[in-house]
Amino acid sequence: MECALSAYHSGEVGGIVPETFRVVRALLDRVDDTLTGKVADVFQSPIPEWKIKEANEVAATQGEKLYEKFPLLDGVKWMN
Protein backbone atom coordinates (compact mmCIF):
# COMPACT_ATOMS: atom_id res chain seq x y z
CA MET A 1 0.00 0.00 0.00
CA GLU A 2 1.32 3.39 -0.87
CA CYS A 3 0.19 6.81 0.23
CA ALA A 4 2.72 8.92 -1.68
CA LEU A 5 4.28 8.91 -5.13
CA SER A 6 7.80 8.37 -3.73
CA ALA A 7 9.54 7.56 -0.45
CA TYR A 8 9.70 10.34 2.10
CA HIS A 9 11.50 10.55 5.43
CA SER A 10 9.09 10.34 8.37
CA GLY A 11 10.82 13.27 10.04
CA GLU A 12 9.93 15.40 7.06
CA VAL A 13 6.35 14.30 6.37
CA GLY A 14 5.28 12.67 9.66
CA GLY A 15 1.78 13.86 10.45
CA ILE A 16 1.26 15.15 6.92
CA VAL A 17 1.24 12.01 4.75
CA PRO A 18 -0.85 9.14 6.15
CA GLU A 19 1.37 6.48 7.75
CA THR A 20 0.74 3.25 5.83
CA PHE A 21 1.04 0.97 8.89
CA ARG A 22 -1.73 2.93 10.61
CA VAL A 23 -3.92 2.61 7.53
CA VAL A 24 -3.34 -1.16 7.39
CA ARG A 25 -3.93 -1.54 11.14
CA ALA A 26 -7.19 0.42 10.88
CA LEU A 27 -8.34 -1.88 8.05
CA LEU A 28 -7.38 -5.02 9.98
CA ASP A 29 -9.21 -3.73 13.07
CA ARG A 30 -12.38 -3.90 10.98
CA VAL A 31 -11.82 -7.64 10.50
CA ASP A 32 -10.95 -8.75 14.02
CA ASP A 33 -10.22 -7.50 17.52
CA THR A 34 -6.45 -7.34 18.08
CA LEU A 35 -6.81 -8.02 21.81
CA THR A 36 -9.18 -10.98 21.72
CA GLY A 37 -8.80 -12.34 18.20
CA LYS A 38 -12.59 -12.33 17.83
CA VAL A 39 -13.64 -11.95 14.22
CA ALA A 40 -16.00 -9.05 13.52
CA ASP A 41 -19.69 -9.94 13.73
CA VAL A 42 -20.20 -9.22 10.03
CA PHE A 43 -17.94 -12.21 9.24
CA GLN A 44 -19.52 -14.57 11.80
CA SER A 45 -21.67 -17.50 10.76
CA PRO A 46 -23.39 -20.15 12.85
CA ILE A 47 -21.39 -23.29 13.58
CA PRO A 48 -23.34 -26.42 12.58
CA GLU A 49 -24.33 -28.64 15.51
CA TRP A 50 -22.52 -31.64 13.98
CA LYS A 51 -19.26 -29.64 13.95
CA ILE A 52 -19.65 -28.63 17.61
CA LYS A 53 -20.28 -32.28 18.53
CA GLU A 54 -17.24 -33.38 16.52
CA ALA A 55 -15.00 -30.76 18.17
CA ASN A 56 -16.17 -31.78 21.65
CA GLU A 57 -15.45 -35.44 20.89
CA VAL A 58 -11.94 -34.67 19.67
CA ALA A 59 -11.26 -32.47 22.69
CA ALA A 60 -12.53 -35.18 25.05
CA THR A 61 -10.23 -37.81 23.56
CA GLN A 62 -7.14 -35.65 22.95
CA GLY A 63 -7.33 -33.12 25.77
CA GLU A 64 -4.28 -30.90 26.20
CA LYS A 65 -2.33 -32.86 23.57
CA LEU A 66 -4.23 -30.83 20.98
CA TYR A 67 -2.24 -27.71 21.79
CA GLU A 68 0.71 -28.68 23.99
CA LYS A 69 2.51 -30.05 20.92
CA PHE A 70 2.99 -26.42 19.80
CA PRO A 71 5.67 -24.87 22.06
CA LEU A 72 5.30 -21.20 22.88
CA LEU A 73 7.87 -18.64 23.95
CA ASP A 74 8.14 -17.76 27.64
CA GLY A 75 5.33 -15.44 28.68
CA VAL A 76 3.06 -16.30 25.74
CA LYS A 77 -0.36 -17.64 26.74
CA TRP A 78 -2.83 -19.78 24.82
CA MET A 79 -5.71 -17.75 23.42
CA ASN A 80 -8.54 -20.13 24.35
PDB file of N, CA and C in Angstrom:
ATOM      1  N   MET A   1       0.842  -1.166   0.000  1.00  0.00           N
ATOM      2  CA  MET A   1       0.000   0.000   0.000  1.00  0.00           C
ATOM      3  C   MET A   1       0.885   1.225   0.000  1.00  0.00           C
ATOM      4  N   GLU A   2       0.563   2.155  -0.802  1.00  0.00           N
ATOM      5  CA  GLU A   2       1.323   3.389  -0.873  1.00  0.00           C
ATOM      6  C   GLU A   2       0.398   4.575  -0.632  1.00  0.00           C
ATOM      7  N   CYS A   3       0.952   5.591  -0.001  1.00  0.00           N
ATOM      8  CA  CYS A   3       0.188   6.811   0.231  1.00  0.00           C
ATOM      9  C   CYS A   3       0.815   8.006  -0.469  1.00  0.00           C
ATOM     10  N   ALA A   4       2.028   7.820  -1.008  1.00  0.00           N
ATOM     11  CA  ALA A   4       2.719   8.917  -1.684  1.00  0.00           C
ATOM     12  C   ALA A   4       3.345   8.388  -2.972  1.00  0.00           C
ATOM     13  N   LEU A   5       3.708   9.297  -3.845  1.00  0.00           N
ATOM     14  CA  LEU A   5       4.285   8.908  -5.132  1.00  0.00           C
ATOM     15  C   LEU A   5       5.733   8.453  -5.024  1.00  0.00           C
ATOM     16  N   SER A   6       6.430   8.837  -3.948  1.00  0.00           N
ATOM     17  CA  SER A   6       7.797   8.372  -3.730  1.00  0.00           C
ATOM     18  C   SER A   6       8.042   8.263  -2.236  1.00  0.00           C
ATOM     19  N   ALA A   7       9.212   7.743  -1.870  1.00  0.00           N
ATOM     20  CA  ALA A   7       9.542   7.560  -0.452  1.00  0.00           C
ATOM     21  C   ALA A   7       9.924   8.896   0.174  1.00  0.00           C
ATOM     22  N   TYR A   8       9.396   9.131   1.360  1.00  0.00           N
ATOM     23  CA  TYR A   8       9.704  10.344   2.099  1.00  0.00           C
ATOM     24  C   TYR A   8      10.192   9.954   3.482  1.00  0.00           C
ATOM     25  N   HIS A   9      11.018  10.794   4.070  1.00  0.00           N
ATOM     26  CA  HIS A   9      11.503  10.553   5.430  1.00  0.00           C
ATOM     27  C   HIS A   9      10.403  10.943   6.412  1.00  0.00           C
ATOM     28  N   SER A  10      10.176  10.076   7.414  1.00  0.00           N
ATOM     29  CA  SER A  10       9.088  10.337   8.366  1.00  0.00           C
ATOM     30  C   SER A  10       9.305  11.631   9.139  1.00  0.00           C
ATOM     31  N   GLY A  11      10.547  12.018   9.349  1.00  0.00           N
ATOM     32  CA  GLY A  11      10.817  13.269  10.041  1.00  0.00           C
ATOM     33  C   GLY A  11      10.401  14.487   9.233  1.00  0.00           C
ATOM     34  N   GLU A  12      10.312  14.296   7.941  1.00  0.00           N
ATOM     35  CA  GLU A  12       9.930  15.403   7.064  1.00  0.00           C
ATOM     36  C   GLU A  12       8.421  15.473   6.849  1.00  0.00           C
ATOM     37  N   VAL A  13       7.775  14.317   6.709  1.00  0.00           N
ATOM     38  CA  VAL A  13       6.353  14.303   6.371  1.00  0.00           C
ATOM     39  C   VAL A  13       5.469  13.666   7.444  1.00  0.00           C
ATOM     40  N   GLY A  14       6.070  13.274   8.584  1.00  0.00           N
ATOM     41  CA  GLY A  14       5.282  12.671   9.663  1.00  0.00           C
ATOM     42  C   GLY A  14       4.154  13.585  10.091  1.00  0.00           C
ATOM     43  N   GLY A  15       2.945  13.068  10.100  1.00  0.00           N
ATOM     44  CA  GLY A  15       1.779  13.863  10.454  1.00  0.00           C
ATOM     45  C   GLY A  15       1.139  14.574   9.279  1.00  0.00           C
ATOM     46  N   ILE A  16       1.804  14.522   8.122  1.00  0.00           N
ATOM     47  CA  ILE A  16       1.257  15.149   6.922  1.00  0.00           C
ATOM     48  C   ILE A  16       0.733  14.077   5.974  1.00  0.00           C
ATOM     49  N   VAL A  17       1.610  13.128   5.623  1.00  0.00           N
ATOM     50  CA  VAL A  17       1.239  12.011   4.748  1.00  0.00           C
ATOM     51  C   VAL A  17       0.763  10.864   5.640  1.00  0.00           C
ATOM     52  N   PRO A  18      -0.366  10.253   5.333  1.00  0.00           N
ATOM     53  CA  PRO A  18      -0.852   9.137   6.147  1.00  0.00           C
ATOM     54  C   PRO A  18       0.209   8.043   6.270  1.00  0.00           C
ATOM     55  N   GLU A  19       0.394   7.523   7.487  1.00  0.00           N
ATOM     56  CA  GLU A  19       1.365   6.475   7.752  1.00  0.00           C
ATOM     57  C   GLU A  19       0.737   5.142   7.347  1.00  0.00           C
ATOM     58  N   THR A  20       1.358   4.436   6.418  1.00  0.00           N
ATOM     59  CA  THR A  20       0.742   3.245   5.832  1.00  0.00           C
ATOM     60  C   THR A  20       0.454   2.166   6.856  1.00  0.00           C
ATOM     61  N   PHE A  21       1.305   1.995   7.873  1.00  0.00           N
ATOM     62  CA  PHE A  21       1.039   0.968   8.885  1.00  0.00           C
ATOM     63  C   PHE A  21      -0.232   1.277   9.667  1.00  0.00           C
ATOM     64  N   ARG A  22      -0.486   2.552   9.925  1.00  0.00           N
ATOM     65  CA  ARG A  22      -1.731   2.927  10.612  1.00  0.00           C
ATOM     66  C   ARG A  22      -2.951   2.637   9.746  1.00  0.00           C
ATOM     67  N   VAL A  23      -2.813   2.883   8.450  1.00  0.00           N
ATOM     68  CA  VAL A  23      -3.916   2.607   7.534  1.00  0.00           C
ATOM     69  C   VAL A  23      -4.207   1.107   7.525  1.00  0.00           C
ATOM     70  N   VAL A  24      -3.161   0.292   7.405  1.00  0.00           N
ATOM     71  CA  VAL A  24      -3.341  -1.164   7.389  1.00  0.00           C
ATOM     72  C   VAL A  24      -3.926  -1.636   8.710  1.00  0.00           C
ATOM     73  N   ARG A  25      -3.410  -1.132   9.837  1.00  0.00           N
ATOM     74  CA  ARG A  25      -3.933  -1.538  11.138  1.00  0.00           C
ATOM     75  C   ARG A  25      -5.410  -1.176  11.277  1.00  0.00           C
ATOM     76  N   ALA A  26      -5.784   0.004  10.809  1.00  0.00           N
ATOM     77  CA  ALA A  26      -7.190   0.416  10.876  1.00  0.00           C
ATOM     78  C   ALA A  26      -8.068  -0.525  10.052  1.00  0.00           C
ATOM     79  N   LEU A  27      -7.569  -0.936   8.886  1.00  0.00           N
ATOM     80  CA  LEU A  27      -8.340  -1.878   8.054  1.00  0.00           C
ATOM     81  C   LEU A  27      -8.449  -3.244   8.729  1.00  0.00           C
ATOM     82  N   LEU A  28      -7.348  -3.723   9.306  1.00  0.00           N
ATOM     83  CA  LEU A  28      -7.377  -5.023   9.984  1.00  0.00           C
ATOM     84  C   LEU A  28      -8.278  -5.000  11.216  1.00  0.00           C
ATOM     85  N   ASP A  29      -8.333  -3.849  11.894  1.00  0.00           N
ATOM     86  CA  ASP A  29      -9.215  -3.732  13.066  1.00  0.00           C
ATOM     87  C   ASP A  29     -10.680  -3.888  12.690  1.00  0.00           C
ATOM     88  N   ARG A  30     -11.009  -3.676  11.438  1.00  0.00           N
ATOM     89  CA  ARG A  30     -12.384  -3.899  10.983  1.00  0.00           C
ATOM     90  C   ARG A  30     -12.691  -5.382  10.831  1.00  0.00           C
ATOM     91  N   VAL A  31     -11.648  -6.196  10.706  1.00  0.00           N
ATOM     92  CA  VAL A  31     -11.819  -7.640  10.496  1.00  0.00           C
ATOM     93  C   VAL A  31     -11.868  -8.386  11.819  1.00  0.00           C
ATOM     94  N   ASP A  32     -10.935  -8.074  12.719  1.00  0.00           N
ATOM     95  CA  ASP A  32     -10.952  -8.749  14.018  1.00  0.00           C
ATOM     96  C   ASP A  32     -10.390  -7.853  15.110  1.00  0.00           C
ATOM     97  N   ASP A  33     -10.662  -8.240  16.349  1.00  0.00           N
ATOM     98  CA  ASP A  33     -10.220  -7.501  17.521  1.00  0.00           C
ATOM     99  C   ASP A  33      -8.790  -7.928  17.839  1.00  0.00           C
ATOM    100  N   THR A  34      -7.855  -6.989  17.852  1.00  0.00           N
ATOM    101  CA  THR A  34      -6.453  -7.339  18.076  1.00  0.00           C
ATOM    102  C   THR A  34      -6.192  -7.878  19.476  1.00  0.00           C
ATOM    103  N   LEU A  35      -7.018  -7.542  20.446  1.00  0.00           N
ATOM    104  CA  LEU A  35      -6.806  -8.024  21.810  1.00  0.00           C
ATOM    105  C   LEU A  35      -7.375  -9.412  22.043  1.00  0.00           C
ATOM    106  N   THR A  36      -8.522  -9.702  21.458  1.00  0.00           N
ATOM    107  CA  THR A  36      -9.176 -10.982  21.725  1.00  0.00           C
ATOM    108  C   THR A  36      -9.070 -11.966  20.568  1.00  0.00           C
ATOM    109  N   GLY A  37      -8.823 -11.469  19.365  1.00  0.00           N
ATOM    110  CA  GLY A  37      -8.798 -12.337  18.196  1.00  0.00           C
ATOM    111  C   GLY A  37     -10.182 -12.638  17.651  1.00  0.00           C
ATOM    112  N   LYS A  38     -11.226 -12.083  18.288  1.00  0.00           N
ATOM    113  CA  LYS A  38     -12.590 -12.329  17.831  1.00  0.00           C
ATOM    114  C   LYS A  38     -12.817 -11.671  16.479  1.00  0.00           C
ATOM    115  N   VAL A  39     -13.336 -12.449  15.556  1.00  0.00           N
ATOM    116  CA  VAL A  39     -13.643 -11.946  14.221  1.00  0.00           C
ATOM    117  C   VAL A  39     -14.875 -11.050  14.307  1.00  0.00           C
ATOM    118  N   ALA A  40     -14.880  -9.986  13.532  1.00  0.00           N
ATOM    119  CA  ALA A  40     -15.999  -9.045  13.520  1.00  0.00           C
ATOM    120  C   ALA A  40     -17.307  -9.770  13.233  1.00  0.00           C
ATOM    121  N   ASP A  41     -18.376  -9.302  13.854  1.00  0.00           N
ATOM    122  CA  ASP A  41     -19.695  -9.938  13.725  1.00  0.00           C
ATOM    123  C   ASP A  41     -20.137 -10.107  12.277  1.00  0.00           C
ATOM    124  N   VAL A  42     -19.770  -9.155  11.427  1.00  0.00           N
ATOM    125  CA  VAL A  42     -20.203  -9.224  10.029  1.00  0.00           C
ATOM    126  C   VAL A  42     -19.644 -10.473   9.334  1.00  0.00           C
ATOM    127  N   PHE A  43     -18.547 -11.026   9.841  1.00  0.00           N
ATOM    128  CA  PHE A  43     -17.942 -12.212   9.242  1.00  0.00           C
ATOM    129  C   PHE A  43     -18.330 -13.500   9.964  1.00  0.00           C
ATOM    130  N   GLN A  44     -19.118 -13.396  11.010  1.00  0.00           N
ATOM    131  CA  GLN A  44     -19.516 -14.570  11.801  1.00  0.00           C
ATOM    132  C   GLN A  44     -20.608 -15.346  11.080  1.00  0.00           C
ATOM    133  N   SER A  45     -20.588 -16.655  11.263  1.00  0.00           N
ATOM    134  CA  SER A  45     -21.668 -17.502  10.758  1.00  0.00           C
ATOM    135  C   SER A  45     -21.895 -18.599  11.781  1.00  0.00           C
ATOM    136  N   PRO A  46     -23.096 -19.123  11.852  1.00  0.00           N
ATOM    137  CA  PRO A  46     -23.392 -20.153  12.851  1.00  0.00           C
ATOM    138  C   PRO A  46     -22.564 -21.416  12.595  1.00  0.00           C
ATOM    139  N   ILE A  47     -22.125 -22.025  13.687  1.00  0.00           N
ATOM    140  CA  ILE A  47     -21.392 -23.294  13.580  1.00  0.00           C
ATOM    141  C   ILE A  47     -22.432 -24.417  13.590  1.00  0.00           C
ATOM    142  N   PRO A  48     -22.370 -25.318  12.613  1.00  0.00           N
ATOM    143  CA  PRO A  48     -23.336 -26.421  12.579  1.00  0.00           C
ATOM    144  C   PRO A  48     -23.209 -27.306  13.824  1.00  0.00           C
ATOM    145  N   GLU A  49     -24.315 -27.791  14.304  1.00  0.00           N
ATOM    146  CA  GLU A  49     -24.327 -28.642  15.507  1.00  0.00           C
ATOM    147  C   GLU A  49     -23.398 -29.844  15.367  1.00  0.00           C
ATOM    148  N   TRP A  50     -23.370 -30.464  14.166  1.00  0.00           N
ATOM    149  CA  TRP A  50     -22.524 -31.643  13.981  1.00  0.00           C
ATOM    150  C   TRP A  50     -21.046 -31.293  14.164  1.00  0.00           C
ATOM    151  N   LYS A  51     -20.658 -30.058  13.823  1.00  0.00           N
ATOM    152  CA  LYS A  51     -19.263 -29.642  13.954  1.00  0.00           C
ATOM    153  C   LYS A  51     -18.919 -29.397  15.423  1.00  0.00           C
ATOM    154  N   ILE A  52     -19.857 -28.845  16.172  1.00  0.00           N
ATOM    155  CA  ILE A  52     -19.645 -28.635  17.609  1.00  0.00           C
ATOM    156  C   ILE A  52     -19.487 -29.979  18.298  1.00  0.00           C
ATOM    157  N   LYS A  53     -20.357 -30.941  17.953  1.00  0.00           N
ATOM    158  CA  LYS A  53     -20.280 -32.282  18.531  1.00  0.00           C
ATOM    159  C   LYS A  53     -18.931 -32.930  18.202  1.00  0.00           C
ATOM    160  N   GLU A  54     -18.517 -32.813  16.952  1.00  0.00           N
ATOM    161  CA  GLU A  54     -17.241 -33.382  16.522  1.00  0.00           C
ATOM    162  C   GLU A  54     -16.069 -32.765  17.294  1.00  0.00           C
ATOM    163  N   ALA A  55     -16.069 -31.452  17.443  1.00  0.00           N
ATOM    164  CA  ALA A  55     -14.999 -30.763  18.166  1.00  0.00           C
ATOM    165  C   ALA A  55     -14.959 -31.190  19.627  1.00  0.00           C
ATOM    166  N   ASN A  56     -16.112 -31.333  20.252  1.00  0.00           N
ATOM    167  CA  ASN A  56     -16.170 -31.780  21.647  1.00  0.00           C
ATOM    168  C   ASN A  56     -15.642 -33.200  21.801  1.00  0.00           C
ATOM    169  N   GLU A  57     -15.938 -34.069  20.846  1.00  0.00           N
ATOM    170  CA  GLU A  57     -15.447 -35.443  20.893  1.00  0.00           C
ATOM    171  C   GLU A  57     -13.930 -35.499  20.758  1.00  0.00           C
ATOM    172  N   VAL A  58     -13.394 -34.716  19.847  1.00  0.00           N
ATOM    173  CA  VAL A  58     -11.938 -34.673  19.671  1.00  0.00           C
ATOM    174  C   VAL A  58     -11.272 -34.121  20.929  1.00  0.00           C
ATOM    175  N   ALA A  59     -11.824 -33.061  21.482  1.00  0.00           N
ATOM    176  CA  ALA A  59     -11.265 -32.468  22.695  1.00  0.00           C
ATOM    177  C   ALA A  59     -11.308 -33.448  23.860  1.00  0.00           C
ATOM    178  N   ALA A  60     -12.397 -34.212  23.954  1.00  0.00           N
ATOM    179  CA  ALA A  60     -12.528 -35.175  25.045  1.00  0.00           C
ATOM    180  C   ALA A  60     -11.499 -36.295  24.929  1.00  0.00           C
ATOM    181  N   THR A  61     -11.178 -36.704  23.719  1.00  0.00           N
ATOM    182  CA  THR A  61     -10.229 -37.805  23.557  1.00  0.00           C
ATOM    183  C   THR A  61      -8.775 -37.337  23.548  1.00  0.00           C
ATOM    184  N   GLN A  62      -8.520 -36.133  23.079  1.00  0.00           N
ATOM    185  CA  GLN A  62      -7.145 -35.655  22.948  1.00  0.00           C
ATOM    186  C   GLN A  62      -6.701 -34.732  24.087  1.00  0.00           C
ATOM    187  N   GLY A  63      -7.654 -34.018  24.664  1.00  0.00           N
ATOM    188  CA  GLY A  63      -7.327 -33.121  25.773  1.00  0.00           C
ATOM    189  C   GLY A  63      -6.247 -32.107  25.427  1.00  0.00           C
ATOM    190  N   GLU A  64      -5.320 -31.913  26.362  1.00  0.00           N
ATOM    191  CA  GLU A  64      -4.278 -30.897  26.199  1.00  0.00           C
ATOM    192  C   GLU A  64      -3.277 -31.230  25.097  1.00  0.00           C
ATOM    193  N   LYS A  65      -3.243 -32.484  24.662  1.00  0.00           N
ATOM    194  CA  LYS A  65      -2.330 -32.864  23.571  1.00  0.00           C
ATOM    195  C   LYS A  65      -2.621 -32.077  22.300  1.00  0.00           C
ATOM    196  N   LEU A  66      -3.858 -31.587  22.171  1.00  0.00           N
ATOM    197  CA  LEU A  66      -4.226 -30.826  20.976  1.00  0.00           C
ATOM    198  C   LEU A  66      -3.382 -29.575  20.799  1.00  0.00           C
ATOM    199  N   TYR A  67      -2.984 -28.964  21.904  1.00  0.00           N
ATOM    200  CA  TYR A  67      -2.244 -27.713  21.793  1.00  0.00           C
ATOM    201  C   TYR A  67      -0.855 -27.752  22.418  1.00  0.00           C
ATOM    202  N   GLU A  68      -0.602 -28.648  23.341  1.00  0.00           N
ATOM    203  CA  GLU A  68       0.708 -28.683  23.989  1.00  0.00           C
ATOM    204  C   GLU A  68       1.826 -29.081  23.031  1.00  0.00           C
ATOM    205  N   LYS A  69       1.484 -29.661  21.893  1.00  0.00           N
ATOM    206  CA  LYS A  69       2.507 -30.048  20.916  1.00  0.00           C
ATOM    207  C   LYS A  69       3.100 -28.832  20.201  1.00  0.00           C
ATOM    208  N   PHE A  70       2.503 -27.656  20.418  1.00  0.00           N
ATOM    209  CA  PHE A  70       2.986 -26.420  19.802  1.00  0.00           C
ATOM    210  C   PHE A  70       3.664 -25.564  20.878  1.00  0.00           C
ATOM    211  N   PRO A  71       4.990 -25.635  21.001  1.00  0.00           N
ATOM    212  CA  PRO A  71       5.668 -24.875  22.059  1.00  0.00           C
ATOM    213  C   PRO A  71       5.555 -23.363  21.822  1.00  0.00           C
ATOM    214  N   LEU A  72       5.397 -22.647  22.921  1.00  0.00           N
ATOM    215  CA  LEU A  72       5.297 -21.199  22.881  1.00  0.00           C
ATOM    216  C   LEU A  72       6.503 -20.587  23.591  1.00  0.00           C
ATOM    217  N   LEU A  73       6.814 -19.352  23.268  1.00  0.00           N
ATOM    218  CA  LEU A  73       7.874 -18.636  23.949  1.00  0.00           C
ATOM    219  C   LEU A  73       7.455 -18.325  25.379  1.00  0.00           C
ATOM    220  N   ASP A  74       8.435 -18.112  26.250  1.00  0.00           N
ATOM    221  CA  ASP A  74       8.138 -17.760  27.638  1.00  0.00           C
ATOM    222  C   ASP A  74       7.255 -16.525  27.689  1.00  0.00           C
ATOM    223  N   GLY A  75       6.220 -16.574  28.508  1.00  0.00           N
ATOM    224  CA  GLY A  75       5.329 -15.445  28.684  1.00  0.00           C
ATOM    225  C   GLY A  75       4.148 -15.421  27.743  1.00  0.00           C
ATOM    226  N   VAL A  76       4.177 -16.247  26.677  1.00  0.00           N
ATOM    227  CA  VAL A  76       3.062 -16.300  25.736  1.00  0.00           C
ATOM    228  C   VAL A  76       1.999 -17.234  26.295  1.00  0.00           C
ATOM    229  N   LYS A  77       0.738 -16.832  26.208  1.00  0.00           N
ATOM    230  CA  LYS A  77      -0.356 -17.640  26.741  1.00  0.00           C
ATOM    231  C   LYS A  77      -1.260 -18.105  25.599  1.00  0.00           C
ATOM    232  N   TRP A  78      -1.864 -19.269  25.795  1.00  0.00           N
ATOM    233  CA  TRP A  78      -2.826 -19.784  24.822  1.00  0.00           C
ATOM    234  C   TRP A  78      -4.016 -18.839  24.761  1.00  0.00           C
ATOM    235  N   MET A  79      -4.584 -18.687  23.577  1.00  0.00           N
ATOM    236  CA  MET A  79      -5.711 -17.754  23.415  1.00  0.00           C
ATOM    237  C   MET A  79      -6.997 -18.296  24.019  1.00  0.00           C
ATOM    238  N   ASN A  80      -7.290 -19.566  23.838  1.00  0.00           N
ATOM    239  CA  ASN A  80      -8.540 -20.133  24.345  1.00  0.00           C
ATOM    240  C   ASN A  80      -8.257 -21.465  24.985  1.00  0.00           C
TER     241      ASN A  80
END
